[in-house]
Amino acid sequence: MQDVRTLEEELTRIRRVAWRMDAICYVPGTNLSLGLDNLFGLIPVVGDALSLAPSIWMIHHAHKIGATPGAIAYMIANLVVDVLIGSVPLIGDLFDIAYNANIRNYRLLEKNLARRAERARVVVPVPPAALAV
């Protein structure tokens, strides 16, 4: 049996993963959040690989639900920045707390899909003769 989900269900799944990775809790008195990505980042080498898997999953599903190639490229760029800077000991951990690549990618996906939906709207002009009925 094929697993069929609606666009809303897929977005909900992607959003849930993004927030678990980047924002399980917030640092009191700040806008900074902590998530699984930050916890995994404390584990040398293996932690970066652990946090990479859900991020790649999100990008894969964004592609499956119709994100444009430009949005996918931007999401990959966010992920590359997160991985490269995040792999630097201590500085990378602090960067990860502030950058939140998964939430950035989710918000980018939402905006991209909204723009695609707006462009897909087709206004069909009604001929004047049809109005004179």
N, C-alpha and C. Protein backbone atom coordinates (compact mmCIF):
# COMPACT_ATOMS: atom_id res chain seq x y z
N MET A 1 0.84 -1.18 0.00
CA MET A 1 0.00 0.00 0.00
C MET A 1 0.89 1.25 0.00
N GLN A 2 0.55 2.19 -0.82
CA GLN A 2 1.34 3.40 -0.97
C GLN A 2 1.00 4.39 0.15
N ASP A 3 2.03 5.05 0.67
CA ASP A 3 1.85 6.05 1.72
C ASP A 3 1.50 7.38 1.06
N VAL A 4 0.25 7.80 1.20
CA VAL A 4 -0.21 9.03 0.57
C VAL A 4 -0.52 10.05 1.66
N ARG A 5 0.14 11.20 1.55
CA ARG A 5 -0.09 12.28 2.51
C ARG A 5 -0.44 13.55 1.75
N THR A 6 -1.18 14.41 2.40
CA THR A 6 -1.49 15.70 1.79
C THR A 6 -0.31 16.64 1.97
N LEU A 7 -0.34 17.72 1.25
CA LEU A 7 0.71 18.73 1.36
C LEU A 7 0.79 19.24 2.79
N GLU A 8 -0.35 19.48 3.42
CA GLU A 8 -0.37 19.98 4.80
C GLU A 8 0.28 18.97 5.75
N GLU A 9 0.00 17.70 5.55
CA GLU A 9 0.60 16.66 6.41
C GLU A 9 2.11 16.62 6.24
N GLU A 10 2.57 16.73 5.00
CA GLU A 10 4.02 16.73 4.75
C GLU A 10 4.67 17.96 5.38
N LEU A 11 4.04 19.13 5.22
CA LEU A 11 4.59 20.34 5.82
C LEU A 11 4.63 20.22 7.34
N THR A 12 3.62 19.61 7.92
CA THR A 12 3.59 19.41 9.38
C THR A 12 4.73 18.51 9.82
N ARG A 13 4.99 17.45 9.08
CA ARG A 13 6.10 16.55 9.40
C ARG A 13 7.44 17.28 9.30
N ILE A 14 7.62 18.04 8.24
CA ILE A 14 8.87 18.77 8.05
C ILE A 14 9.03 19.83 9.14
N ARG A 15 7.96 20.54 9.46
CA ARG A 15 8.02 21.56 10.52
C ARG A 15 8.39 20.92 11.86
N ARG A 16 7.78 19.80 12.17
CA ARG A 16 8.06 19.10 13.43
C ARG A 16 9.54 18.73 13.53
N VAL A 17 10.11 18.22 12.46
CA VAL A 17 11.53 17.86 12.46
C VAL A 17 12.39 19.11 12.61
N ALA A 18 12.06 20.16 11.88
CA ALA A 18 12.85 21.40 11.95
C ALA A 18 12.89 21.95 13.37
N TRP A 19 11.73 22.01 14.01
CA TRP A 19 11.69 22.59 15.35
C TRP A 19 12.34 21.66 16.38
N ARG A 20 12.24 20.35 16.20
CA ARG A 20 12.93 19.45 17.13
C ARG A 20 14.44 19.58 16.99
N MET A 21 14.88 19.77 15.78
CA MET A 21 16.33 19.90 15.56
C MET A 21 16.87 21.24 16.08
N ASP A 22 16.07 22.30 16.00
CA ASP A 22 16.60 23.63 16.32
C ASP A 22 15.96 24.34 17.50
N ALA A 23 14.79 23.95 17.96
CA ALA A 23 14.11 24.76 18.96
C ALA A 23 13.23 23.95 19.92
N ILE A 24 13.81 23.02 20.62
CA ILE A 24 13.03 22.28 21.63
C ILE A 24 12.74 23.19 22.81
N CYS A 25 13.72 24.01 23.17
CA CYS A 25 13.53 24.96 24.27
C CYS A 25 14.28 26.25 23.96
N TYR A 26 13.91 27.31 24.67
CA TYR A 26 14.53 28.62 24.46
C TYR A 26 15.34 29.02 25.68
N VAL A 27 16.42 29.76 25.44
CA VAL A 27 17.24 30.28 26.52
C VAL A 27 16.45 31.44 27.13
N PRO A 28 16.16 31.38 28.44
CA PRO A 28 15.34 32.42 29.07
C PRO A 28 15.91 33.83 28.84
N GLY A 29 15.02 34.76 28.51
CA GLY A 29 15.41 36.15 28.31
C GLY A 29 16.05 36.45 26.98
N THR A 30 16.07 35.46 26.07
CA THR A 30 16.68 35.67 24.75
C THR A 30 15.78 35.09 23.67
N ASN A 31 16.17 35.30 22.43
CA ASN A 31 15.51 34.66 21.29
C ASN A 31 16.26 33.41 20.86
N LEU A 32 17.24 32.99 21.62
CA LEU A 32 18.06 31.83 21.26
C LEU A 32 17.36 30.54 21.67
N SER A 33 17.44 29.56 20.79
CA SER A 33 16.80 28.28 21.06
C SER A 33 17.82 27.15 20.99
N LEU A 34 17.47 26.08 21.66
CA LEU A 34 18.31 24.89 21.67
C LEU A 34 17.48 23.71 21.17
N GLY A 35 18.12 22.85 20.38
CA GLY A 35 17.43 21.68 19.86
C GLY A 35 18.38 20.50 19.79
N LEU A 36 17.92 19.44 19.17
CA LEU A 36 18.73 18.23 19.05
C LEU A 36 20.03 18.49 18.28
N ASP A 37 19.99 19.40 17.31
CA ASP A 37 21.18 19.74 16.55
C ASP A 37 22.28 20.24 17.49
N ASN A 38 21.90 21.06 18.46
CA ASN A 38 22.87 21.59 19.41
C ASN A 38 23.41 20.50 20.33
N LEU A 39 22.54 19.60 20.75
CA LEU A 39 22.99 18.50 21.60
C LEU A 39 23.91 17.55 20.84
N PHE A 40 23.51 17.19 19.61
CA PHE A 40 24.35 16.32 18.80
C PHE A 40 25.70 16.97 18.51
N GLY A 41 25.71 18.29 18.34
CA GLY A 41 26.93 19.01 18.04
C GLY A 41 27.98 18.92 19.12
N LEU A 42 27.57 18.57 20.32
CA LEU A 42 28.53 18.42 21.42
C LEU A 42 29.34 17.13 21.32
N ILE A 43 28.86 16.20 20.49
CA ILE A 43 29.56 14.93 20.28
C ILE A 43 30.50 15.11 19.09
N PRO A 44 31.81 15.05 19.29
CA PRO A 44 32.74 15.26 18.17
C PRO A 44 32.51 14.28 17.02
N VAL A 45 32.59 14.76 15.82
CA VAL A 45 32.48 14.04 14.54
C VAL A 45 31.13 13.35 14.36
N VAL A 46 30.79 12.42 15.22
CA VAL A 46 29.55 11.65 15.09
C VAL A 46 28.33 12.56 15.22
N GLY A 47 28.40 13.55 16.10
CA GLY A 47 27.27 14.45 16.32
C GLY A 47 26.89 15.22 15.07
N ASP A 48 27.89 15.66 14.32
CA ASP A 48 27.61 16.39 13.08
C ASP A 48 26.91 15.49 12.07
N ALA A 49 27.31 14.24 12.00
CA ALA A 49 26.66 13.29 11.09
C ALA A 49 25.23 13.01 11.54
N LEU A 50 25.02 12.90 12.85
CA LEU A 50 23.67 12.66 13.37
C LEU A 50 22.72 13.82 13.04
N SER A 51 23.21 15.03 13.13
CA SER A 51 22.34 16.17 12.85
C SER A 51 22.18 16.42 11.36
N LEU A 52 23.05 15.88 10.55
CA LEU A 52 22.97 16.04 9.11
C LEU A 52 21.82 15.22 8.50
N ALA A 53 21.58 14.03 9.03
CA ALA A 53 20.57 13.14 8.47
C ALA A 53 19.16 13.75 8.44
N PRO A 54 18.64 14.30 9.54
CA PRO A 54 17.30 14.90 9.45
C PRO A 54 17.25 16.11 8.52
N SER A 55 18.34 16.85 8.44
CA SER A 55 18.38 18.01 7.55
C SER A 55 18.30 17.59 6.09
N ILE A 56 19.00 16.54 5.74
CA ILE A 56 18.93 16.01 4.37
C ILE A 56 17.54 15.45 4.09
N TRP A 57 16.95 14.78 5.09
CA TRP A 57 15.59 14.25 4.95
C TRP A 57 14.62 15.39 4.63
N MET A 58 14.76 16.51 5.35
CA MET A 58 13.88 17.66 5.12
C MET A 58 14.01 18.19 3.69
N ILE A 59 15.24 18.32 3.22
CA ILE A 59 15.46 18.83 1.86
C ILE A 59 14.90 17.85 0.83
N HIS A 60 15.08 16.57 1.06
CA HIS A 60 14.54 15.56 0.15
C HIS A 60 13.01 15.68 0.07
N HIS A 61 12.36 15.82 1.21
CA HIS A 61 10.90 15.93 1.22
C HIS A 61 10.43 17.26 0.64
N ALA A 62 11.21 18.31 0.83
CA ALA A 62 10.88 19.60 0.22
C ALA A 62 10.86 19.45 -1.30
N HIS A 63 11.83 18.72 -1.83
CA HIS A 63 11.87 18.47 -3.27
C HIS A 63 10.64 17.66 -3.70
N LYS A 64 10.31 16.63 -2.92
CA LYS A 64 9.18 15.77 -3.27
C LYS A 64 7.85 16.52 -3.29
N ILE A 65 7.69 17.53 -2.42
CA ILE A 65 6.40 18.22 -2.38
C ILE A 65 6.35 19.45 -3.28
N GLY A 66 7.43 19.69 -4.04
CA GLY A 66 7.34 20.70 -5.07
C GLY A 66 8.15 21.97 -4.89
N ALA A 67 9.12 21.98 -4.00
CA ALA A 67 9.97 23.17 -3.87
C ALA A 67 10.73 23.36 -5.18
N THR A 68 10.96 24.61 -5.55
CA THR A 68 11.66 24.91 -6.80
C THR A 68 13.15 24.55 -6.68
N PRO A 69 13.82 24.34 -7.79
CA PRO A 69 15.26 24.04 -7.74
C PRO A 69 16.06 25.15 -7.04
N GLY A 70 15.64 26.41 -7.22
CA GLY A 70 16.33 27.51 -6.55
C GLY A 70 16.19 27.42 -5.04
N ALA A 71 15.00 27.06 -4.57
CA ALA A 71 14.78 26.92 -3.13
C ALA A 71 15.59 25.75 -2.58
N ILE A 72 15.63 24.66 -3.32
CA ILE A 72 16.42 23.50 -2.88
C ILE A 72 17.90 23.88 -2.79
N ALA A 73 18.39 24.62 -3.78
CA ALA A 73 19.79 25.05 -3.76
C ALA A 73 20.07 25.94 -2.55
N TYR A 74 19.14 26.84 -2.25
CA TYR A 74 19.29 27.73 -1.10
C TYR A 74 19.29 26.92 0.20
N MET A 75 18.42 25.91 0.28
CA MET A 75 18.35 25.05 1.46
C MET A 75 19.66 24.28 1.64
N ILE A 76 20.20 23.80 0.54
CA ILE A 76 21.48 23.08 0.61
C ILE A 76 22.58 24.03 1.06
N ALA A 77 22.56 25.27 0.55
CA ALA A 77 23.57 26.26 0.96
C ALA A 77 23.46 26.53 2.46
N ASN A 78 22.24 26.67 2.99
CA ASN A 78 22.06 26.85 4.43
C ASN A 78 22.66 25.68 5.21
N LEU A 79 22.42 24.48 4.71
CA LEU A 79 22.92 23.29 5.37
C LEU A 79 24.45 23.23 5.32
N VAL A 80 25.03 23.57 4.18
CA VAL A 80 26.50 23.56 4.05
C VAL A 80 27.13 24.57 5.02
N VAL A 81 26.55 25.76 5.09
CA VAL A 81 27.06 26.77 6.04
C VAL A 81 26.97 26.23 7.46
N ASP A 82 25.84 25.64 7.80
CA ASP A 82 25.63 25.09 9.13
C ASP A 82 26.65 24.00 9.46
N VAL A 83 26.90 23.11 8.51
CA VAL A 83 27.82 22.00 8.75
C VAL A 83 29.27 22.49 8.82
N LEU A 84 29.65 23.37 7.89
CA LEU A 84 31.05 23.84 7.88
C LEU A 84 31.39 24.64 9.12
N ILE A 85 30.57 25.62 9.45
CA ILE A 85 30.87 26.45 10.62
C ILE A 85 30.55 25.67 11.90
N GLY A 86 29.50 24.88 11.87
CA GLY A 86 29.12 24.10 13.04
C GLY A 86 30.13 23.04 13.44
N SER A 87 30.98 22.64 12.52
CA SER A 87 31.98 21.61 12.85
C SER A 87 33.20 22.17 13.57
N VAL A 88 33.32 23.50 13.65
CA VAL A 88 34.43 24.12 14.38
C VAL A 88 34.11 24.02 15.87
N PRO A 89 35.01 23.43 16.65
CA PRO A 89 34.72 23.28 18.08
C PRO A 89 34.41 24.62 18.76
N LEU A 90 33.50 24.61 19.66
CA LEU A 90 33.01 25.72 20.47
C LEU A 90 32.38 26.85 19.66
N ILE A 91 33.13 27.45 18.74
CA ILE A 91 32.58 28.52 17.90
C ILE A 91 31.41 27.97 17.08
N GLY A 92 31.57 26.79 16.55
CA GLY A 92 30.51 26.16 15.76
C GLY A 92 29.27 25.88 16.58
N ASP A 93 29.46 25.48 17.84
CA ASP A 93 28.32 25.21 18.71
C ASP A 93 27.54 26.50 18.98
N LEU A 94 28.24 27.58 19.21
CA LEU A 94 27.59 28.88 19.43
C LEU A 94 26.88 29.34 18.15
N PHE A 95 27.53 29.13 17.01
CA PHE A 95 26.93 29.49 15.72
C PHE A 95 25.63 28.72 15.50
N ASP A 96 25.65 27.41 15.80
CA ASP A 96 24.46 26.58 15.62
C ASP A 96 23.28 27.08 16.44
N ILE A 97 23.55 27.57 17.63
CA ILE A 97 22.48 28.08 18.49
C ILE A 97 21.81 29.28 17.84
N ALA A 98 22.60 30.13 17.19
CA ALA A 98 22.06 31.35 16.59
C ALA A 98 21.52 31.15 15.18
N TYR A 99 22.08 30.23 14.40
CA TYR A 99 21.76 30.13 12.98
C TYR A 99 20.48 29.35 12.68
N ASN A 100 20.26 28.22 13.33
CA ASN A 100 19.05 27.41 13.14
C ASN A 100 18.73 27.13 11.67
N ALA A 101 19.60 26.43 11.00
CA ALA A 101 19.45 26.15 9.57
C ALA A 101 18.17 25.40 9.23
N ASN A 102 17.73 24.50 10.08
CA ASN A 102 16.53 23.72 9.78
C ASN A 102 15.28 24.59 9.79
N ILE A 103 15.18 25.48 10.77
CA ILE A 103 14.04 26.39 10.81
C ILE A 103 14.10 27.36 9.63
N ARG A 104 15.30 27.83 9.31
CA ARG A 104 15.46 28.69 8.13
C ARG A 104 14.96 27.97 6.88
N ASN A 105 15.35 26.71 6.75
CA ASN A 105 14.95 25.94 5.57
C ASN A 105 13.45 25.70 5.54
N TYR A 106 12.84 25.44 6.68
CA TYR A 106 11.40 25.24 6.70
C TYR A 106 10.67 26.53 6.28
N ARG A 107 11.09 27.65 6.83
CA ARG A 107 10.44 28.92 6.48
C ARG A 107 10.64 29.25 5.00
N LEU A 108 11.82 28.95 4.48
CA LEU A 108 12.08 29.14 3.06
C LEU A 108 11.14 28.27 2.23
N LEU A 109 10.95 27.04 2.65
CA LEU A 109 10.04 26.12 1.95
C LEU A 109 8.62 26.66 1.95
N GLU A 110 8.14 27.12 3.09
CA GLU A 110 6.78 27.68 3.17
C GLU A 110 6.61 28.85 2.21
N LYS A 111 7.56 29.77 2.22
CA LYS A 111 7.48 30.94 1.33
C LYS A 111 7.53 30.51 -0.13
N ASN A 112 8.39 29.56 -0.44
CA ASN A 112 8.53 29.09 -1.81
C ASN A 112 7.25 28.45 -2.31
N LEU A 113 6.64 27.60 -1.50
CA LEU A 113 5.40 26.95 -1.90
C LEU A 113 4.26 27.96 -2.02
N ALA A 114 4.23 28.96 -1.14
CA ALA A 114 3.19 29.99 -1.22
C ALA A 114 3.34 30.79 -2.51
N ARG A 115 4.58 31.14 -2.87
CA ARG A 115 4.81 31.87 -4.13
C ARG A 115 4.42 31.04 -5.33
N ARG A 116 4.74 29.74 -5.30
CA ARG A 116 4.36 28.87 -6.41
C ARG A 116 2.85 28.79 -6.54
N ALA A 117 2.16 28.69 -5.41
CA ALA A 117 0.69 28.61 -5.44
C ALA A 117 0.10 29.90 -5.98
N GLU A 118 0.66 31.03 -5.59
CA GLU A 118 0.17 32.33 -6.07
C GLU A 118 0.35 32.45 -7.58
N ARG A 119 1.52 32.01 -8.07
CA ARG A 119 1.77 32.08 -9.51
C ARG A 119 0.90 31.11 -10.29
N ALA A 120 0.47 30.04 -9.64
CA ALA A 120 -0.33 29.02 -10.32
C ALA A 120 -1.78 29.45 -10.51
N ARG A 121 -2.19 30.46 -9.75
CA ARG A 121 -3.57 30.94 -9.91
C ARG A 121 -3.74 31.50 -11.32
N VAL A 122 -4.79 31.08 -11.93
CA VAL A 122 -5.06 31.55 -13.30
C VAL A 122 -6.39 32.29 -13.27
N VAL A 123 -6.35 33.51 -13.73
CA VAL A 123 -7.57 34.30 -13.82
C VAL A 123 -8.08 34.18 -15.24
N VAL A 124 -9.27 33.63 -15.38
CA VAL A 124 -9.87 33.46 -16.71
C VAL A 124 -10.84 34.62 -16.91
N PRO A 125 -10.57 35.45 -17.90
CA PRO A 125 -11.48 36.57 -18.14
C PRO A 125 -12.82 36.05 -18.67
N VAL A 126 -13.87 36.67 -18.22
CA VAL A 126 -15.22 36.29 -18.67
C VAL A 126 -15.59 37.22 -19.82
N PRO A 127 -15.93 36.65 -20.98
CA PRO A 127 -16.32 37.48 -22.11
C PRO A 127 -17.56 38.31 -21.77
N PRO A 128 -17.63 39.56 -22.25
CA PRO A 128 -18.78 40.42 -21.97
C PRO A 128 -20.11 39.80 -22.38
N ALA A 129 -20.12 39.01 -23.43
CA ALA A 129 -21.36 38.40 -23.90
C ALA A 129 -21.92 37.42 -22.86
N ALA A 130 -21.04 36.77 -22.09
CA ALA A 130 -21.50 35.81 -21.07
C ALA A 130 -22.14 36.53 -19.90
N LEU A 131 -21.77 37.78 -19.67
CA LEU A 131 -22.34 38.55 -18.57
C LEU A 131 -23.73 39.09 -18.89
N ALA A 132 -24.05 39.18 -20.15
CA ALA A 132 -25.32 39.78 -20.59
C ALA A 132 -26.45 38.76 -20.68
N VAL A 133 -26.41 37.74 -19.93
CA VAL A 133 -27.43 36.68 -20.00
C VAL A 133 -28.68 37.07 -19.29
